[in-house]
Amino acid sequence: MDESAARRGVQSRMTPHRRAVLRVLAALPGPATAHSIHRALRAGDERIGLTIVYRQLASLVDAGVIGTGLDRDGRHVFHLRTDDFRDYHLTCVRCGRVTRVDASVALRWAADAAVAHGFSDIAVSIDLSGRCARCPAGRATGTTAVTPYR
């Protein structure tokens, strides 16, 4: 099933819980964990359990309606997708700030590498993290300095 068909399928089954999860994600300032989405739903008097939130998030990710990544502590975070392409984010290891990035160069490299080695139908997972310009200088705990290619 292609991504647009999956999106149409989820839209045709837009349950009250699914609508509530999407409404909360749209209102939050950035990517959020399932627990924070659940807390926001409960604070808005939505009667929904955490397990249902996880199920709705998984369904929406599978349909391509929302995206997922990892926060600075390694927890899954969810965000609304803004287009029909996979989106990638750069996460600050100090403050958790998330910025969307164009990963087209890395995706082209992955496709070229797969073809060169006789692979097809590849899956690409890219987790980018670093220290944003807003955070004070110095390495964050648990990070490795990377020397850029010249």
Protein backbone atom coordinates (compact mmCIF):
# COMPACT_ATOMS: atom_id res chain seq x y z
CA MET A 1 0.00 0.00 0.00
CA ASP A 2 1.46 3.38 -0.93
CA GLU A 3 1.64 6.23 1.57
CA SER A 4 -1.25 8.24 0.09
CA ALA A 5 -3.49 5.16 0.21
CA ALA A 6 -2.51 4.61 3.84
CA ARG A 7 -3.36 8.23 4.64
CA ARG A 8 -6.72 7.91 2.92
CA GLY A 9 -7.36 4.73 4.92
CA VAL A 10 -6.64 6.37 8.25
CA GLN A 11 -8.75 9.39 7.31
CA SER A 12 -11.69 7.13 6.49
CA ARG A 13 -11.36 5.61 9.98
CA MET A 14 -10.90 8.87 11.88
CA THR A 15 -12.09 7.80 15.31
CA PRO A 16 -12.70 10.24 18.17
CA HIS A 17 -9.51 9.05 19.91
CA ARG A 18 -7.46 9.48 16.74
CA ARG A 19 -8.87 12.98 16.23
CA ALA A 20 -8.05 13.86 19.85
CA VAL A 21 -4.44 12.68 19.51
CA LEU A 22 -4.01 14.71 16.30
CA ARG A 23 -5.60 17.77 17.93
CA VAL A 24 -3.14 17.59 20.85
CA LEU A 25 -0.14 17.09 18.54
CA ALA A 26 -1.20 20.14 16.51
CA ALA A 27 -1.46 22.24 19.68
CA LEU A 28 1.92 21.25 21.15
CA PRO A 29 4.96 23.43 20.35
CA GLY A 30 7.10 20.53 19.08
CA PRO A 31 7.56 16.77 19.11
CA ALA A 32 6.09 15.07 22.18
CA THR A 33 6.31 11.73 23.96
CA ALA A 34 3.30 9.44 24.24
CA HIS A 35 3.19 10.24 27.96
CA SER A 36 3.06 14.00 27.39
CA ILE A 37 0.37 13.55 24.73
CA HIS A 38 -1.59 11.41 27.18
CA ARG A 39 -1.22 14.03 29.95
CA ALA A 40 -2.43 16.77 27.60
CA LEU A 41 -5.42 14.68 26.59
CA ARG A 42 -6.32 13.96 30.22
CA ALA A 43 -5.87 17.62 31.15
CA GLY A 44 -8.42 18.43 28.45
CA ASP A 45 -10.89 16.01 30.06
CA GLU A 46 -10.42 13.39 27.34
CA ARG A 47 -11.19 9.93 28.73
CA ILE A 48 -8.41 7.91 27.14
CA GLY A 49 -5.86 5.45 28.46
CA LEU A 50 -2.15 5.46 27.72
CA THR A 51 -2.41 2.14 25.85
CA ILE A 52 -4.99 3.65 23.49
CA VAL A 53 -2.70 6.65 22.92
CA TYR A 54 0.14 4.29 21.96
CA ARG A 55 -2.16 2.38 19.58
CA GLN A 56 -3.38 5.57 17.93
CA LEU A 57 0.17 6.89 17.56
CA ALA A 58 1.33 3.61 15.97
CA SER A 59 -1.58 3.67 13.54
CA LEU A 60 -0.92 7.30 12.60
CA VAL A 61 2.83 6.63 12.12
CA ASP A 62 2.05 3.60 9.91
CA ALA A 63 -0.29 5.78 7.85
CA GLY A 64 2.37 8.48 7.45
CA VAL A 65 0.23 11.12 9.14
CA ILE A 66 2.70 11.64 11.96
CA GLY A 67 6.44 11.10 12.22
CA THR A 68 8.59 9.83 15.03
CA GLY A 69 12.11 10.37 16.28
CA LEU A 70 14.12 10.17 19.48
CA ASP A 71 14.57 12.92 22.04
CA ARG A 72 17.83 13.63 23.86
CA ASP A 73 17.05 10.90 26.40
CA GLY A 74 16.34 8.28 23.74
CA ARG A 75 12.56 8.36 24.14
CA HIS A 76 10.30 8.20 21.10
CA VAL A 77 8.72 11.54 20.25
CA PHE A 78 5.94 12.17 17.75
CA HIS A 79 5.17 15.12 15.49
CA LEU A 80 2.72 15.99 12.73
CA ARG A 81 4.06 15.39 9.24
CA THR A 82 4.11 18.47 7.07
CA ASP A 83 4.38 16.85 3.63
CA ASP A 84 4.39 13.53 1.78
CA PHE A 85 8.13 12.95 2.27
CA ARG A 86 9.94 11.42 5.22
CA ASP A 87 11.14 14.17 7.44
CA TYR A 88 14.26 14.22 9.57
CA HIS A 89 15.19 16.27 12.58
CA LEU A 90 18.29 17.49 14.36
CA THR A 91 17.90 17.36 18.15
CA CYS A 92 19.95 19.41 20.60
CA VAL A 93 21.51 17.14 23.21
CA ARG A 94 21.42 19.92 25.81
CA CYS A 95 18.01 21.59 25.58
CA GLY A 96 16.07 19.14 23.40
CA ARG A 97 15.31 21.73 20.70
CA VAL A 98 14.29 20.00 17.46
CA THR A 99 14.89 21.41 13.98
CA ARG A 100 13.71 19.87 10.73
CA VAL A 101 16.54 19.21 8.26
CA ASP A 102 16.86 18.28 4.60
CA ALA A 103 18.38 14.80 4.50
CA SER A 104 18.25 14.41 0.72
CA VAL A 105 22.05 14.08 0.39
CA ALA A 106 22.14 11.25 2.95
CA LEU A 107 19.14 9.55 1.35
CA ARG A 108 20.76 9.68 -2.10
CA TRP A 109 23.96 8.24 -0.62
CA ALA A 110 21.97 5.42 1.03
CA ALA A 111 20.19 4.59 -2.24
CA ASP A 112 23.47 4.65 -4.18
CA ALA A 113 25.20 2.45 -1.58
CA ALA A 114 22.34 -0.05 -1.70
CA VAL A 115 22.43 -0.29 -5.50
CA ALA A 116 26.25 -0.59 -5.51
CA HIS A 117 25.99 -3.60 -3.20
CA GLY A 118 23.00 -5.24 -4.90
CA PHE A 119 20.36 -4.29 -2.35
CA SER A 120 16.84 -3.00 -2.98
CA ASP A 121 13.87 -1.92 -0.88
CA ILE A 122 16.15 -0.35 1.73
CA ALA A 123 14.96 1.29 4.91
CA VAL A 124 16.81 4.36 6.14
CA SER A 125 16.95 5.50 9.74
CA ILE A 126 18.75 8.75 10.49
CA ASP A 127 19.09 10.16 14.01
CA LEU A 128 20.89 13.49 14.10
CA SER A 129 21.86 15.19 17.34
CA GLY A 130 24.25 17.87 18.43
CA ARG A 131 24.43 21.13 20.37
CA CYS A 132 22.31 24.01 19.05
CA ALA A 133 23.55 27.60 18.79
CA ARG A 134 21.37 28.64 21.75
CA CYS A 135 23.17 26.36 24.21
CA PRO A 136 26.45 27.27 25.93
CA ALA A 137 29.72 26.02 24.48
CA GLY A 138 31.18 22.71 25.54
CA ARG A 139 30.37 19.13 24.80
CA ALA A 140 27.22 17.66 26.23
CA THR A 141 27.55 14.50 28.31
CA GLY A 142 27.55 11.33 26.25
CA THR A 143 28.40 12.93 22.91
CA THR A 144 31.34 12.39 20.63
CA ALA A 145 33.09 15.17 18.76
CA VAL A 146 32.92 14.63 15.00
CA THR A 147 35.47 15.99 12.57
CA PRO A 148 33.75 17.11 9.36
CA TYR A 149 35.01 15.83 6.03
CA ARG A 150 36.95 18.39 4.04
